[in-house]
């Protein structure tokens, strides 16, 4: 999905931080789901904003 390519992802000690802007709430949810499915992710910090 092209909108997800603009996100910044930082991972440290099992904590993943997402930041950036997506076009829709669906893209935001999708980015969260994909990160949570990665092995070793303990916590997700979501700093993604939806810009219409």
PDB file of N, CA and C in Angstrom:
ATOM      1  N   UNK A   1       0.856  -1.171   0.000  1.00  0.00           N
ATOM      2  CA  UNK A   1       0.000   0.000   0.000  1.00  0.00           C
ATOM      3  C   UNK A   1       0.906   1.240   0.000  1.00  0.00           C
ATOM      4  N   UNK A   2       0.774   2.110  -0.962  1.00  0.00           N
ATOM      5  CA  UNK A   2       1.672   3.266  -1.097  1.00  0.00           C
ATOM      6  C   UNK A   2       1.688   4.206   0.104  1.00  0.00           C
ATOM      7  N   UNK A   3       0.551   4.408   0.761  1.00  0.00           N
ATOM      8  CA  UNK A   3       0.493   5.323   1.896  1.00  0.00           C
ATOM      9  C   UNK A   3       1.343   4.875   3.073  1.00  0.00           C
ATOM     10  N   UNK A   4       1.526   3.577   3.216  1.00  0.00           N
ATOM     11  CA  UNK A   4       2.296   3.043   4.335  1.00  0.00           C
ATOM     12  C   UNK A   4       3.792   3.209   4.128  1.00  0.00           C
ATOM     13  N   UNK A   5       4.215   3.423   2.915  1.00  0.00           N
ATOM     14  CA  UNK A   5       5.643   3.596   2.626  1.00  0.00           C
ATOM     15  C   UNK A   5       6.199   4.897   3.185  1.00  0.00           C
ATOM     16  N   UNK A   6       5.343   5.808   3.547  1.00  0.00           N
ATOM     17  CA  UNK A   6       5.764   7.104   4.056  1.00  0.00           C
ATOM     18  C   UNK A   6       5.941   7.116   5.570  1.00  0.00           C
ATOM     19  N   UNK A   7       5.681   6.000   6.215  1.00  0.00           N
ATOM     20  CA  UNK A   7       5.775   5.945   7.671  1.00  0.00           C
ATOM     21  C   UNK A   7       7.210   5.680   8.114  1.00  0.00           C
ATOM     22  N   UNK A   8       7.553   6.237   9.267  1.00  0.00           N
ATOM     23  CA  UNK A   8       8.840   5.962   9.894  1.00  0.00           C
ATOM     24  C   UNK A   8       8.611   4.883  10.936  1.00  0.00           C
ATOM     25  N   UNK A   9       9.514   3.902  10.963  1.00  0.00           N
ATOM     26  CA  UNK A   9       9.410   2.800  11.907  1.00  0.00           C
ATOM     27  C   UNK A   9      10.719   2.701  12.674  1.00  0.00           C
ATOM     28  N   UNK A  10      10.600   2.700  13.982  1.00  0.00           N
ATOM     29  CA  UNK A  10      11.772   2.524  14.837  1.00  0.00           C
ATOM     30  C   UNK A  10      11.496   1.346  15.757  1.00  0.00           C
ATOM     31  N   UNK A  11      12.467   0.448  15.876  1.00  0.00           N
ATOM     32  CA  UNK A  11      12.310  -0.716  16.740  1.00  0.00           C
ATOM     33  C   UNK A  11      13.496  -0.811  17.686  1.00  0.00           C
ATOM     34  N   UNK A  12      13.177  -1.008  18.966  1.00  0.00           N
ATOM     35  CA  UNK A  12      14.228  -1.143  19.974  1.00  0.00           C
ATOM     36  C   UNK A  12      13.685  -1.960  21.148  1.00  0.00           C
ATOM     37  N   UNK A  13      14.366  -3.031  21.454  1.00  0.00           N
ATOM     38  CA  UNK A  13      14.010  -3.869  22.606  1.00  0.00           C
ATOM     39  C   UNK A  13      12.544  -4.306  22.598  1.00  0.00           C
ATOM     40  N   UNK A  14      12.037  -4.668  21.435  1.00  0.00           N
ATOM     41  CA  UNK A  14      10.667  -5.154  21.331  1.00  0.00           C
ATOM     42  C   UNK A  14       9.598  -4.079  21.258  1.00  0.00           C
ATOM     43  N   UNK A  15      10.026  -2.822  21.312  1.00  0.00           N
ATOM     44  CA  UNK A  15       9.071  -1.711  21.224  1.00  0.00           C
ATOM     45  C   UNK A  15       9.198  -1.085  19.839  1.00  0.00           C
ATOM     46  N   UNK A  16       8.094  -1.062  19.119  1.00  0.00           N
ATOM     47  CA  UNK A  16       8.066  -0.494  17.776  1.00  0.00           C
ATOM     48  C   UNK A  16       7.313   0.824  17.824  1.00  0.00           C
ATOM     49  N   UNK A  17       7.920   1.866  17.267  1.00  0.00           N
ATOM     50  CA  UNK A  17       7.287   3.175  17.199  1.00  0.00           C
ATOM     51  C   UNK A  17       7.011   3.517  15.744  1.00  0.00           C
ATOM     52  N   UNK A  18       5.756   3.793  15.449  1.00  0.00           N
ATOM     53  CA  UNK A  18       5.331   4.228  14.115  1.00  0.00           C
ATOM     54  C   UNK A  18       5.047   5.714  14.163  1.00  0.00           C
ATOM     55  N   UNK A  19       5.520   6.427  13.149  1.00  0.00           N
ATOM     56  CA  UNK A  19       5.193   7.850  13.064  1.00  0.00           C
ATOM     57  C   UNK A  19       5.087   8.260  11.608  1.00  0.00           C
ATOM     58  N   UNK A  20       4.325   9.309  11.389  1.00  0.00           N
ATOM     59  CA  UNK A  20       4.112   9.813  10.041  1.00  0.00           C
ATOM     60  C   UNK A  20       2.644  10.089   9.809  1.00  0.00           C
ATOM     61  N   UNK A  21       2.296  10.223   8.543  1.00  0.00           N
ATOM     62  CA  UNK A  21       0.925  10.577   8.166  1.00  0.00           C
ATOM     63  C   UNK A  21       0.429   9.628   7.085  1.00  0.00           C
ATOM     64  N   UNK A  22      -0.810   9.181   7.240  1.00  0.00           N
ATOM     65  CA  UNK A  22      -1.474   8.364   6.229  1.00  0.00           C
ATOM     66  C   UNK A  22      -2.737   9.087   5.778  1.00  0.00           C
ATOM     67  N   UNK A  23      -3.327   8.608   4.684  1.00  0.00           N
ATOM     68  CA  UNK A  23      -4.489   9.286   4.120  1.00  0.00           C
ATOM     69  C   UNK A  23      -5.809   8.866   4.737  1.00  0.00           C
ATOM     70  N   UNK A  24      -5.872   7.634   5.250  1.00  0.00           N
ATOM     71  CA  UNK A  24      -7.144   7.134   5.766  1.00  0.00           C
ATOM     72  C   UNK A  24      -6.945   6.426   7.105  1.00  0.00           C
ATOM     73  N   UNK A  25      -8.050   6.296   7.841  1.00  0.00           N
ATOM     74  CA  UNK A  25      -8.018   5.564   9.101  1.00  0.00           C
ATOM     75  C   UNK A  25      -7.721   4.092   8.832  1.00  0.00           C
ATOM     76  N   UNK A  26      -8.194   3.573   7.693  1.00  0.00           N
ATOM     77  CA  UNK A  26      -7.912   2.186   7.310  1.00  0.00           C
ATOM     78  C   UNK A  26      -6.406   1.956   7.195  1.00  0.00           C
ATOM     79  N   UNK A  27      -5.684   2.862   6.566  1.00  0.00           N
ATOM     80  CA  UNK A  27      -4.233   2.717   6.441  1.00  0.00           C
ATOM     81  C   UNK A  27      -3.567   2.729   7.814  1.00  0.00           C
ATOM     82  N   UNK A  28      -4.078   3.538   8.716  1.00  0.00           N
ATOM     83  CA  UNK A  28      -3.542   3.578  10.082  1.00  0.00           C
ATOM     84  C   UNK A  28      -3.742   2.223  10.763  1.00  0.00           C
ATOM     85  N   UNK A  29      -4.940   1.670  10.668  1.00  0.00           N
ATOM     86  CA  UNK A  29      -5.216   0.369  11.262  1.00  0.00           C
ATOM     87  C   UNK A  29      -4.357  -0.722  10.641  1.00  0.00           C
ATOM     88  N   UNK A  30      -4.201  -0.676   9.342  1.00  0.00           N
ATOM     89  CA  UNK A  30      -3.400  -1.664   8.634  1.00  0.00           C
ATOM     90  C   UNK A  30      -1.945  -1.626   9.091  1.00  0.00           C
ATOM     91  N   UNK A  31      -1.402  -0.435   9.265  1.00  0.00           N
ATOM     92  CA  UNK A  31      -0.013  -0.313   9.715  1.00  0.00           C
ATOM     93  C   UNK A  31       0.152  -0.895  11.117  1.00  0.00           C
ATOM     94  N   UNK A  32      -0.814  -0.677  11.985  1.00  0.00           N
ATOM     95  CA  UNK A  32      -0.762  -1.223  13.344  1.00  0.00           C
ATOM     96  C   UNK A  32      -0.810  -2.745  13.315  1.00  0.00           C
ATOM     97  N   UNK A  33      -1.714  -3.300  12.536  1.00  0.00           N
ATOM     98  CA  UNK A  33      -1.872  -4.750  12.460  1.00  0.00           C
ATOM     99  C   UNK A  33      -0.611  -5.420  11.928  1.00  0.00           C
ATOM    100  N   UNK A  34      -0.015  -4.829  10.927  1.00  0.00           N
ATOM    101  CA  UNK A  34       1.183  -5.432  10.335  1.00  0.00           C
ATOM    102  C   UNK A  34       2.352  -5.424  11.308  1.00  0.00           C
ATOM    103  N   UNK A  35       2.488  -4.379  12.076  1.00  0.00           N
ATOM    104  CA  UNK A  35       3.581  -4.317  13.056  1.00  0.00           C
ATOM    105  C   UNK A  35       3.382  -5.318  14.180  1.00  0.00           C
ATOM    106  N   UNK A  36       2.156  -5.475  14.617  1.00  0.00           N
ATOM    107  CA  UNK A  36       1.868  -6.381  15.729  1.00  0.00           C
ATOM    108  C   UNK A  36       2.126  -7.843  15.358  1.00  0.00           C
ATOM    109  N   UNK A  37       2.090  -8.171  14.065  1.00  0.00           N
ATOM    110  CA  UNK A  37       2.294  -9.544  13.633  1.00  0.00           C
ATOM    111  C   UNK A  37       3.775  -9.917  13.517  1.00  0.00           C
ATOM    112  N   UNK A  38       4.656  -8.974  13.671  1.00  0.00           N
ATOM    113  CA  UNK A  38       6.091  -9.257  13.572  1.00  0.00           C
ATOM    114  C   UNK A  38       6.560  -9.919  14.863  1.00  0.00           C
ATOM    115  N   UNK A  39       7.306 -11.002  14.728  1.00  0.00           N
ATOM    116  CA  UNK A  39       7.813 -11.723  15.896  1.00  0.00           C
ATOM    117  C   UNK A  39       8.710 -10.813  16.729  1.00  0.00           C
ATOM    118  N   UNK A  40       8.537 -10.863  18.029  1.00  0.00           N
ATOM    119  CA  UNK A  40       9.373 -10.091  18.938  1.00  0.00           C
ATOM    120  C   UNK A  40       8.814  -8.741  19.342  1.00  0.00           C
ATOM    121  N   UNK A  41       7.717  -8.321  18.716  1.00  0.00           N
ATOM    122  CA  UNK A  41       7.118  -7.040  19.075  1.00  0.00           C
ATOM    123  C   UNK A  41       6.351  -7.211  20.387  1.00  0.00           C
ATOM    124  N   UNK A  42       6.761  -6.458  21.387  1.00  0.00           N
ATOM    125  CA  UNK A  42       6.123  -6.500  22.695  1.00  0.00           C
ATOM    126  C   UNK A  42       5.090  -5.388  22.827  1.00  0.00           C
ATOM    127  N   UNK A  43       5.444  -4.236  22.296  1.00  0.00           N
ATOM    128  CA  UNK A  43       4.580  -3.059  22.435  1.00  0.00           C
ATOM    129  C   UNK A  43       4.655  -2.213  21.170  1.00  0.00           C
ATOM    130  N   UNK A  44       3.554  -1.565  20.833  1.00  0.00           N
ATOM    131  CA  UNK A  44       3.494  -0.683  19.670  1.00  0.00           C
ATOM    132  C   UNK A  44       3.129   0.719  20.130  1.00  0.00           C
ATOM    133  N   UNK A  45       3.949   1.676  19.775  1.00  0.00           N
ATOM    134  CA  UNK A  45       3.664   3.085  20.051  1.00  0.00           C
ATOM    135  C   UNK A  45       3.222   3.699  18.727  1.00  0.00           C
ATOM    136  N   UNK A  46       1.997   4.156  18.683  1.00  0.00           N
ATOM    137  CA  UNK A  46       1.409   4.661  17.438  1.00  0.00           C
ATOM    138  C   UNK A  46       1.361   6.182  17.444  1.00  0.00           C
ATOM    139  N   UNK A  47       2.227   6.784  16.649  1.00  0.00           N
ATOM    140  CA  UNK A  47       2.240   8.240  16.484  1.00  0.00           C
ATOM    141  C   UNK A  47       1.806   8.625  15.069  1.00  0.00           C
ATOM    142  N   UNK A  48       1.028   7.770  14.438  1.00  0.00           N
ATOM    143  CA  UNK A  48       0.565   7.989  13.062  1.00  0.00           C
ATOM    144  C   UNK A  48      -0.659   8.888  13.095  1.00  0.00           C
ATOM    145  N   UNK A  49      -0.683   9.864  12.213  1.00  0.00           N
ATOM    146  CA  UNK A  49      -1.815  10.768  12.081  1.00  0.00           C
ATOM    147  C   UNK A  49      -2.520  10.542  10.751  1.00  0.00           C
ATOM    148  N   UNK A  50      -3.829  10.748  10.759  1.00  0.00           N
ATOM    149  CA  UNK A  50      -4.623  10.651   9.535  1.00  0.00           C
ATOM    150  C   UNK A  50      -4.859  12.066   9.028  1.00  0.00           C
ATOM    151  N   UNK A  51      -4.424  12.306   7.799  1.00  0.00           N
ATOM    152  CA  UNK A  51      -4.607  13.634   7.190  1.00  0.00           C
ATOM    153  C   UNK A  51      -5.555  13.512   6.027  1.00  0.00           C
ATOM    154  N   UNK A  52      -6.656  14.213   6.091  1.00  0.00           N
ATOM    155  CA  UNK A  52      -7.638  14.180   5.001  1.00  0.00           C
ATOM    156  C   UNK A  52      -7.371  15.290   4.037  1.00  0.00           C
TER     157      UNK A  52
END
